[in-house]
């Protein structure tokens, strides 16, 4: 067994894992996450068909926690490309625990609770929209058209003060879609692509990645121990350990 070669392979794997942290599409937030920015990339689909030209991105930053209220900055960009055009009219997600109120400013300054998104998504806890409509599904004529970006703030209020909250199932709504045959509106599902802390300016590994790193280090130790024992057995010597 070539210990040097094994050690080199494990080292390369460790460096690759640290450089590319594991990400999750659900984020849990508490006071330690104030100042952390989460970036999501959204696809575009209608019914069961995904359209690669429909896309958008969003960043969300937890800015403050005040008792029962969590405050955020957001930024959305409509990155629809190719021959397609679209208007991102809203974004939304689910919360745990459930919220009792929400408010927003900026490009999406209207909030709706307990509504639904089409295309098989169904119930959603909150969405932020470009217009005062009764549904998250659409309406109005504002939002961000292809190539545009916008920003603002939003707050989530809970029934009582909570130590932490979980946000998940991130979606956007596309309307005024052009350039795709038979499609005038669609939805998009968000994938978390990076988590950046302003205190360090670097991506933060998810807890699962830290556990995997620990397992690799343990495996490395076992390989080195076994190699020492094998070497000692072949020479008839008793291995010495520090």
C-alpha atoms as a PDB file:
ATOM      1  CA  UNK A   1       0.000   0.000   0.000  1.00  0.00           C
ATOM      2  CA  UNK A   2       1.463   3.379  -1.078  1.00  0.00           C
ATOM      3  CA  UNK A   3       0.772   5.653   1.904  1.00  0.00           C
ATOM      4  CA  UNK A   4       2.123   8.717   0.124  1.00  0.00           C
ATOM      5  CA  UNK A   5      -0.222   8.219  -2.814  1.00  0.00           C
ATOM      6  CA  UNK A   6      -3.227   7.636  -0.544  1.00  0.00           C
ATOM      7  CA  UNK A   7      -2.400  10.695   1.557  1.00  0.00           C
ATOM      8  CA  UNK A   8      -2.105  12.816  -1.591  1.00  0.00           C
ATOM      9  CA  UNK A   9      -5.478  11.614  -2.875  1.00  0.00           C
ATOM     10  CA  UNK A  10      -7.207  12.325   0.432  1.00  0.00           C
ATOM     11  CA  UNK A  11      -5.573  15.761   0.640  1.00  0.00           C
ATOM     12  CA  UNK A  12      -6.788  16.653  -2.836  1.00  0.00           C
ATOM     13  CA  UNK A  13     -10.301  15.561  -1.951  1.00  0.00           C
ATOM     14  CA  UNK A  14     -10.276  17.633   1.237  1.00  0.00           C
ATOM     15  CA  UNK A  15      -9.116  20.741  -0.620  1.00  0.00           C
ATOM     16  CA  UNK A  16     -11.787  20.288  -3.276  1.00  0.00           C
ATOM     17  CA  UNK A  17     -14.528  19.882  -0.695  1.00  0.00           C
ATOM     18  CA  UNK A  18     -13.450  22.963   1.250  1.00  0.00           C
ATOM     19  CA  UNK A  19     -13.245  25.020  -1.928  1.00  0.00           C
ATOM     20  CA  UNK A  20     -16.755  23.961  -2.985  1.00  0.00           C
ATOM     21  CA  UNK A  21     -18.997  23.928   0.098  1.00  0.00           C
ATOM     22  CA  UNK A  22     -22.150  21.817   0.206  1.00  0.00           C
ATOM     23  CA  UNK A  23     -25.313  23.847  -0.147  1.00  0.00           C
ATOM     24  CA  UNK A  24     -28.938  23.330   0.759  1.00  0.00           C
ATOM     25  CA  UNK A  25     -32.165  24.853  -0.575  1.00  0.00           C
ATOM     26  CA  UNK A  26     -33.511  25.390   2.942  1.00  0.00           C
ATOM     27  CA  UNK A  27     -31.861  27.984   5.176  1.00  0.00           C
ATOM     28  CA  UNK A  28     -32.064  28.216   8.972  1.00  0.00           C
ATOM     29  CA  UNK A  29     -31.479  31.646  10.501  1.00  0.00           C
ATOM     30  CA  UNK A  30     -30.729  32.965  13.971  1.00  0.00           C
ATOM     31  CA  UNK A  31     -28.856  35.918  15.461  1.00  0.00           C
ATOM     32  CA  UNK A  32     -25.489  34.507  14.392  1.00  0.00           C
ATOM     33  CA  UNK A  33     -26.574  34.804  10.731  1.00  0.00           C
ATOM     34  CA  UNK A  34     -27.148  38.565  10.756  1.00  0.00           C
ATOM     35  CA  UNK A  35     -25.136  39.964   7.851  1.00  0.00           C
ATOM     36  CA  UNK A  36     -25.069  36.662   5.929  1.00  0.00           C
ATOM     37  CA  UNK A  37     -26.136  36.744   2.269  1.00  0.00           C
ATOM     38  CA  UNK A  38     -27.766  33.796   0.478  1.00  0.00           C
ATOM     39  CA  UNK A  39     -27.774  33.619  -3.339  1.00  0.00           C
ATOM     40  CA  UNK A  40     -30.370  31.642  -5.295  1.00  0.00           C
ATOM     41  CA  UNK A  41     -30.495  30.749  -8.994  1.00  0.00           C
ATOM     42  CA  UNK A  42     -33.972  30.128 -10.424  1.00  0.00           C
ATOM     43  CA  UNK A  43     -34.957  28.000 -13.396  1.00  0.00           C
ATOM     44  CA  UNK A  44     -38.171  28.410 -15.380  1.00  0.00           C
ATOM     45  CA  UNK A  45     -40.878  25.836 -16.032  1.00  0.00           C
ATOM     46  CA  UNK A  46     -44.515  25.437 -17.003  1.00  0.00           C
ATOM     47  CA  UNK A  47     -46.347  22.284 -15.980  1.00  0.00           C
ATOM     48  CA  UNK A  48     -43.648  19.591 -16.273  1.00  0.00           C
ATOM     49  CA  UNK A  49     -41.500  21.275 -18.939  1.00  0.00           C
ATOM     50  CA  UNK A  50     -38.420  23.329 -18.053  1.00  0.00           C
ATOM     51  CA  UNK A  51     -37.278  26.146 -20.344  1.00  0.00           C
ATOM     52  CA  UNK A  52     -33.568  26.923 -20.131  1.00  0.00           C
ATOM     53  CA  UNK A  53     -33.974  30.498 -21.424  1.00  0.00           C
ATOM     54  CA  UNK A  54     -36.140  31.447 -18.435  1.00  0.00           C
ATOM     55  CA  UNK A  55     -33.966  32.267 -15.429  1.00  0.00           C
ATOM     56  CA  UNK A  56     -33.392  34.747 -12.617  1.00  0.00           C
ATOM     57  CA  UNK A  57     -31.267  35.208  -9.520  1.00  0.00           C
ATOM     58  CA  UNK A  58     -31.925  36.552  -6.037  1.00  0.00           C
ATOM     59  CA  UNK A  59     -29.829  37.445  -3.008  1.00  0.00           C
ATOM     60  CA  UNK A  60     -31.291  37.665   0.490  1.00  0.00           C
ATOM     61  CA  UNK A  61     -29.431  39.118   3.482  1.00  0.00           C
ATOM     62  CA  UNK A  62     -30.608  38.861   7.090  1.00  0.00           C
ATOM     63  CA  UNK A  63     -30.095  42.376   8.469  1.00  0.00           C
ATOM     64  CA  UNK A  64     -31.745  42.376  11.906  1.00  0.00           C
ATOM     65  CA  UNK A  65     -33.816  40.440  14.442  1.00  0.00           C
ATOM     66  CA  UNK A  66     -36.093  42.398  16.759  1.00  0.00           C
ATOM     67  CA  UNK A  67     -38.158  40.113  18.977  1.00  0.00           C
ATOM     68  CA  UNK A  68     -40.811  38.590  16.722  1.00  0.00           C
ATOM     69  CA  UNK A  69     -39.600  40.321  13.516  1.00  0.00           C
ATOM     70  CA  UNK A  70     -36.841  39.273  11.105  1.00  0.00           C
ATOM     71  CA  UNK A  71     -35.637  41.912   8.608  1.00  0.00           C
ATOM     72  CA  UNK A  72     -33.970  41.303   5.235  1.00  0.00           C
ATOM     73  CA  UNK A  73     -32.471  43.040   2.226  1.00  0.00           C
ATOM     74  CA  UNK A  74     -33.166  41.477  -1.165  1.00  0.00           C
ATOM     75  CA  UNK A  75     -31.984  41.888  -4.741  1.00  0.00           C
ATOM     76  CA  UNK A  76     -33.543  40.223  -7.797  1.00  0.00           C
ATOM     77  CA  UNK A  77     -32.251  40.084 -11.381  1.00  0.00           C
ATOM     78  CA  UNK A  78     -34.159  38.789 -14.394  1.00  0.00           C
ATOM     79  CA  UNK A  79     -31.508  36.826 -16.311  1.00  0.00           C
ATOM     80  CA  UNK A  80     -33.841  35.431 -19.000  1.00  0.00           C
ATOM     81  CA  UNK A  81     -31.798  34.954 -22.166  1.00  0.00           C
ATOM     82  CA  UNK A  82     -31.773  33.676 -25.745  1.00  0.00           C
ATOM     83  CA  UNK A  83     -34.897  34.391 -27.766  1.00  0.00           C
ATOM     84  CA  UNK A  84     -37.118  34.516 -24.685  1.00  0.00           C
ATOM     85  CA  UNK A  85     -38.391  37.514 -22.786  1.00  0.00           C
ATOM     86  CA  UNK A  86     -40.171  37.637 -19.431  1.00  0.00           C
ATOM     87  CA  UNK A  87     -41.231  39.704 -16.464  1.00  0.00           C
ATOM     88  CA  UNK A  88     -40.478  38.479 -12.926  1.00  0.00           C
ATOM     89  CA  UNK A  89     -43.614  39.573 -11.103  1.00  0.00           C
ATOM     90  CA  UNK A  90     -43.062  38.015  -7.659  1.00  0.00           C
ATOM     91  CA  UNK A  91     -40.934  35.822  -5.437  1.00  0.00           C
ATOM     92  CA  UNK A  92     -42.030  33.742  -2.459  1.00  0.00           C
ATOM     93  CA  UNK A  93     -41.176  30.955  -0.032  1.00  0.00           C
ATOM     94  CA  UNK A  94     -42.394  28.953   2.959  1.00  0.00           C
ATOM     95  CA  UNK A  95     -41.498  29.665   6.581  1.00  0.00           C
ATOM     96  CA  UNK A  96     -41.183  27.615   9.769  1.00  0.00           C
ATOM     97  CA  UNK A  97     -42.743  28.658  12.073  1.00  0.00           C
ATOM     98  CA  UNK A  98     -45.574  30.249  10.117  1.00  0.00           C
ATOM     99  CA  UNK A  99     -45.585  34.019   9.906  1.00  0.00           C
ATOM    100  CA  UNK A 100     -48.446  36.267  10.992  1.00  0.00           C
ATOM    101  CA  UNK A 101     -47.491  39.302   8.901  1.00  0.00           C
ATOM    102  CA  UNK A 102     -45.060  40.492   6.225  1.00  0.00           C
ATOM    103  CA  UNK A 103     -44.182  43.809   4.615  1.00  0.00           C
ATOM    104  CA  UNK A 104     -41.794  44.963   1.888  1.00  0.00           C
ATOM    105  CA  UNK A 105     -40.286  47.968   0.110  1.00  0.00           C
ATOM    106  CA  UNK A 106     -38.625  48.470  -3.251  1.00  0.00           C
ATOM    107  CA  UNK A 107     -39.266  46.562  -6.472  1.00  0.00           C
ATOM    108  CA  UNK A 108     -41.658  44.115  -4.772  1.00  0.00           C
ATOM    109  CA  UNK A 109     -43.464  46.220  -2.205  1.00  0.00           C
ATOM    110  CA  UNK A 110     -46.679  44.189  -1.805  1.00  0.00           C
ATOM    111  CA  UNK A 111     -46.911  41.101   0.402  1.00  0.00           C
ATOM    112  CA  UNK A 112     -49.520  38.330   0.327  1.00  0.00           C
ATOM    113  CA  UNK A 113     -49.795  35.536   2.911  1.00  0.00           C
ATOM    114  CA  UNK A 114     -51.115  32.006   2.443  1.00  0.00           C
ATOM    115  CA  UNK A 115     -51.662  32.070  -1.301  1.00  0.00           C
ATOM    116  CA  UNK A 116     -50.542  29.691  -4.056  1.00  0.00           C
ATOM    117  CA  UNK A 117     -48.312  29.426  -7.128  1.00  0.00           C
ATOM    118  CA  UNK A 118     -49.416  27.592 -10.305  1.00  0.00           C
ATOM    119  CA  UNK A 119     -47.607  24.846 -12.244  1.00  0.00           C
ATOM    120  CA  UNK A 120     -47.976  22.245  -9.513  1.00  0.00           C
ATOM    121  CA  UNK A 121     -46.423  24.341  -6.720  1.00  0.00           C
ATOM    122  CA  UNK A 122     -49.577  24.984  -4.726  1.00  0.00           C
ATOM    123  CA  UNK A 123     -49.743  26.622  -1.294  1.00  0.00           C
ATOM    124  CA  UNK A 124     -47.028  29.083  -0.313  1.00  0.00           C
ATOM    125  CA  UNK A 125     -46.694  30.955   2.982  1.00  0.00           C
ATOM    126  CA  UNK A 126     -45.712  34.372   1.615  1.00  0.00           C
ATOM    127  CA  UNK A 127     -44.901  36.123  -1.650  1.00  0.00           C
ATOM    128  CA  UNK A 128     -43.718  39.624  -2.483  1.00  0.00           C
ATOM    129  CA  UNK A 129     -45.184  41.179  -5.632  1.00  0.00           C
ATOM    130  CA  UNK A 130     -44.993  44.121  -7.988  1.00  0.00           C
ATOM    131  CA  UNK A 131     -48.695  44.984  -7.651  1.00  0.00           C
ATOM    132  CA  UNK A 132     -51.528  44.950  -5.118  1.00  0.00           C
ATOM    133  CA  UNK A 133     -53.336  41.777  -6.166  1.00  0.00           C
ATOM    134  CA  UNK A 134     -55.116  39.143  -4.141  1.00  0.00           C
ATOM    135  CA  UNK A 135     -52.926  36.266  -5.245  1.00  0.00           C
ATOM    136  CA  UNK A 136     -49.305  35.224  -5.627  1.00  0.00           C
ATOM    137  CA  UNK A 137     -50.137  33.829  -9.087  1.00  0.00           C
ATOM    138  CA  UNK A 138     -49.879  37.190 -10.846  1.00  0.00           C
ATOM    139  CA  UNK A 139     -51.605  40.359 -11.882  1.00  0.00           C
ATOM    140  CA  UNK A 140     -50.476  43.921 -12.443  1.00  0.00           C
ATOM    141  CA  UNK A 141     -47.949  44.994 -15.020  1.00  0.00           C
ATOM    142  CA  UNK A 142     -44.836  45.783 -13.003  1.00  0.00           C
ATOM    143  CA  UNK A 143     -41.894  43.679 -11.932  1.00  0.00           C
ATOM    144  CA  UNK A 144     -38.525  43.204 -13.626  1.00  0.00           C
ATOM    145  CA  UNK A 145     -38.295  42.626 -17.359  1.00  0.00           C
ATOM    146  CA  UNK A 146     -35.450  40.774 -19.093  1.00  0.00           C
ATOM    147  CA  UNK A 147     -32.080  42.184 -18.042  1.00  0.00           C
ATOM    148  CA  UNK A 148     -33.490  44.358 -15.268  1.00  0.00           C
ATOM    149  CA  UNK A 149     -32.598  44.130 -11.574  1.00  0.00           C
ATOM    150  CA  UNK A 150     -34.235  45.573  -8.490  1.00  0.00           C
ATOM    151  CA  UNK A 151     -33.862  45.578  -4.735  1.00  0.00           C
ATOM    152  CA  UNK A 152     -35.575  46.441  -1.489  1.00  0.00           C
ATOM    153  CA  UNK A 153     -36.307  45.144   1.986  1.00  0.00           C
ATOM    154  CA  UNK A 154     -38.839  42.820   3.574  1.00  0.00           C
ATOM    155  CA  UNK A 155     -39.822  41.800   7.084  1.00  0.00           C
ATOM    156  CA  UNK A 156     -41.347  38.613   8.475  1.00  0.00           C
ATOM    157  CA  UNK A 157     -43.329  38.813  11.698  1.00  0.00           C
ATOM    158  CA  UNK A 158     -44.158  35.804  13.866  1.00  0.00           C
ATOM    159  CA  UNK A 159     -46.753  35.307  16.602  1.00  0.00           C
ATOM    160  CA  UNK A 160     -44.040  35.342  19.274  1.00  0.00           C
ATOM    161  CA  UNK A 161     -40.329  36.021  19.525  1.00  0.00           C
ATOM    162  CA  UNK A 162     -38.431  33.060  18.042  1.00  0.00           C
ATOM    163  CA  UNK A 163     -34.778  32.104  18.404  1.00  0.00           C
ATOM    164  CA  UNK A 164     -34.521  30.809  14.839  1.00  0.00           C
ATOM    165  CA  UNK A 165     -36.547  30.467  11.646  1.00  0.00           C
ATOM    166  CA  UNK A 166     -36.316  28.254   8.577  1.00  0.00           C
ATOM    167  CA  UNK A 167     -37.047  29.452   5.051  1.00  0.00           C
ATOM    168  CA  UNK A 168     -37.488  27.022   2.176  1.00  0.00           C
ATOM    169  CA  UNK A 169     -39.215  26.263  -1.148  1.00  0.00           C
ATOM    170  CA  UNK A 170     -38.064  29.420  -2.934  1.00  0.00           C
ATOM    171  CA  UNK A 171     -40.030  30.331  -6.077  1.00  0.00           C
ATOM    172  CA  UNK A 172     -40.446  33.140  -8.598  1.00  0.00           C
ATOM    173  CA  UNK A 173     -43.278  33.911 -11.004  1.00  0.00           C
ATOM    174  CA  UNK A 174     -42.665  34.742 -14.674  1.00  0.00           C
ATOM    175  CA  UNK A 175     -45.291  36.637 -16.669  1.00  0.00           C
ATOM    176  CA  UNK A 176     -45.450  38.341 -20.087  1.00  0.00           C
ATOM    177  CA  UNK A 177     -43.302  35.496 -21.456  1.00  0.00           C
ATOM    178  CA  UNK A 178     -42.371  35.843 -25.126  1.00  0.00           C
ATOM    179  CA  UNK A 179     -40.302  33.793 -27.541  1.00  0.00           C
ATOM    180  CA  UNK A 180     -41.414  30.386 -26.213  1.00  0.00           C
ATOM    181  CA  UNK A 181     -44.159  28.728 -28.215  1.00  0.00           C
ATOM    182  CA  UNK A 182     -47.395  28.369 -26.253  1.00  0.00           C
ATOM    183  CA  UNK A 183     -45.976  29.828 -23.007  1.00  0.00           C
ATOM    184  CA  UNK A 184     -47.073  33.219 -21.661  1.00  0.00           C
ATOM    185  CA  UNK A 185     -46.418  32.608 -17.952  1.00  0.00           C
ATOM    186  CA  UNK A 186     -44.295  30.215 -15.907  1.00  0.00           C
ATOM    187  CA  UNK A 187     -42.776  29.576 -12.482  1.00  0.00           C
ATOM    188  CA  UNK A 188     -39.215  29.083 -11.274  1.00  0.00           C
ATOM    189  CA  UNK A 189     -37.674  27.098  -8.416  1.00  0.00           C
ATOM    190  CA  UNK A 190     -34.633  28.444  -6.584  1.00  0.00           C
ATOM    191  CA  UNK A 191     -31.403  26.578  -5.873  1.00  0.00           C
ATOM    192  CA  UNK A 192     -29.050  27.929  -3.221  1.00  0.00           C
ATOM    193  CA  UNK A 193     -25.700  28.546  -4.940  1.00  0.00           C
ATOM    194  CA  UNK A 194     -23.689  30.429  -2.309  1.00  0.00           C
ATOM    195  CA  UNK A 195     -23.719  31.569   1.306  1.00  0.00           C
ATOM    196  CA  UNK A 196     -21.499  34.542   2.100  1.00  0.00           C
ATOM    197  CA  UNK A 197     -20.747  36.023   5.501  1.00  0.00           C
ATOM    198  CA  UNK A 198     -19.840  39.711   5.547  1.00  0.00           C
ATOM    199  CA  UNK A 199     -17.567  39.106   8.522  1.00  0.00           C
ATOM    200  CA  UNK A 200     -15.278  36.829   6.519  1.00  0.00           C
ATOM    201  CA  UNK A 201     -16.238  37.565   2.933  1.00  0.00           C
ATOM    202  CA  UNK A 202     -16.008  33.858   2.113  1.00  0.00           C
ATOM    203  CA  UNK A 203     -18.409  31.025   1.454  1.00  0.00           C
ATOM    204  CA  UNK A 204     -19.474  29.162   4.575  1.00  0.00           C
ATOM    205  CA  UNK A 205     -19.537  25.324   4.442  1.00  0.00           C
ATOM    206  CA  UNK A 206     -22.802  23.677   5.409  1.00  0.00           C
ATOM    207  CA  UNK A 207     -22.844  21.477   8.578  1.00  0.00           C
ATOM    208  CA  UNK A 208     -22.988  18.314   6.470  1.00  0.00           C
ATOM    209  CA  UNK A 209     -19.725  19.255   4.794  1.00  0.00           C
ATOM    210  CA  UNK A 210     -17.986  19.677   8.151  1.00  0.00           C
ATOM    211  CA  UNK A 211     -19.106  16.172   9.135  1.00  0.00           C
ATOM    212  CA  UNK A 212     -17.789  14.748   5.878  1.00  0.00           C
ATOM    213  CA  UNK A 213     -14.457  16.506   6.415  1.00  0.00           C
ATOM    214  CA  UNK A 214     -14.199  14.979   9.897  1.00  0.00           C
ATOM    215  CA  UNK A 215     -14.875  11.493   8.496  1.00  0.00           C
ATOM    216  CA  UNK A 216     -12.131  11.950   5.892  1.00  0.00           C
ATOM    217  CA  UNK A 217      -9.640  13.009   8.548  1.00  0.00           C
ATOM    218  CA  UNK A 218     -10.540   9.955  10.678  1.00  0.00           C
ATOM    219  CA  UNK A 219     -10.119   7.697   7.643  1.00  0.00           C
ATOM    220  CA  UNK A 220      -6.729   9.250   6.992  1.00  0.00           C
ATOM    221  CA  UNK A 221      -5.644   8.429  10.546  1.00  0.00           C
ATOM    222  CA  UNK A 222      -6.800   4.835  10.208  1.00  0.00           C
ATOM    223  CA  UNK A 223      -4.904   4.411   6.927  1.00  0.00           C
ATOM    224  CA  UNK A 224      -1.706   5.759   8.470  1.00  0.00           C
ATOM    225  CA  UNK A 225      -2.076   3.522  11.553  1.00  0.00           C
ATOM    226  CA  UNK A 226      -2.667   0.404   9.446  1.00  0.00           C
ATOM    227  CA  UNK A 227       0.331   1.238   7.269  1.00  0.00           C
ATOM    228  CA  UNK A 228       2.583   1.575  10.338  1.00  0.00           C
ATOM    229  CA  UNK A 229       1.403  -1.768  11.739  1.00  0.00           C
ATOM    230  CA  UNK A 230       1.932  -3.524   8.402  1.00  0.00           C
ATOM    231  CA  UNK A 231       5.424  -2.084   8.124  1.00  0.00           C
ATOM    232  CA  UNK A 232       6.285  -3.123  11.676  1.00  0.00           C
ATOM    233  CA  UNK A 233       4.946  -6.659  11.146  1.00  0.00           C
ATOM    234  CA  UNK A 234       7.058  -7.140   8.027  1.00  0.00           C
ATOM    235  CA  UNK A 235      10.221  -6.161   9.936  1.00  0.00           C
ATOM    236  CA  UNK A 236       9.356  -7.971  13.162  1.00  0.00           C
ATOM    237  CA  UNK A 237       9.437  -4.716  15.133  1.00  0.00           C
ATOM    238  CA  UNK A 238       6.900  -3.397  17.630  1.00  0.00           C
ATOM    239  CA  UNK A 239       5.356  -0.117  16.320  1.00  0.00           C
ATOM    240  CA  UNK A 240       5.846   2.994  18.442  1.00  0.00           C
ATOM    241  CA  UNK A 241       3.094   5.566  18.563  1.00  0.00           C
ATOM    242  CA  UNK A 242       3.393   9.176  19.650  1.00  0.00           C
END
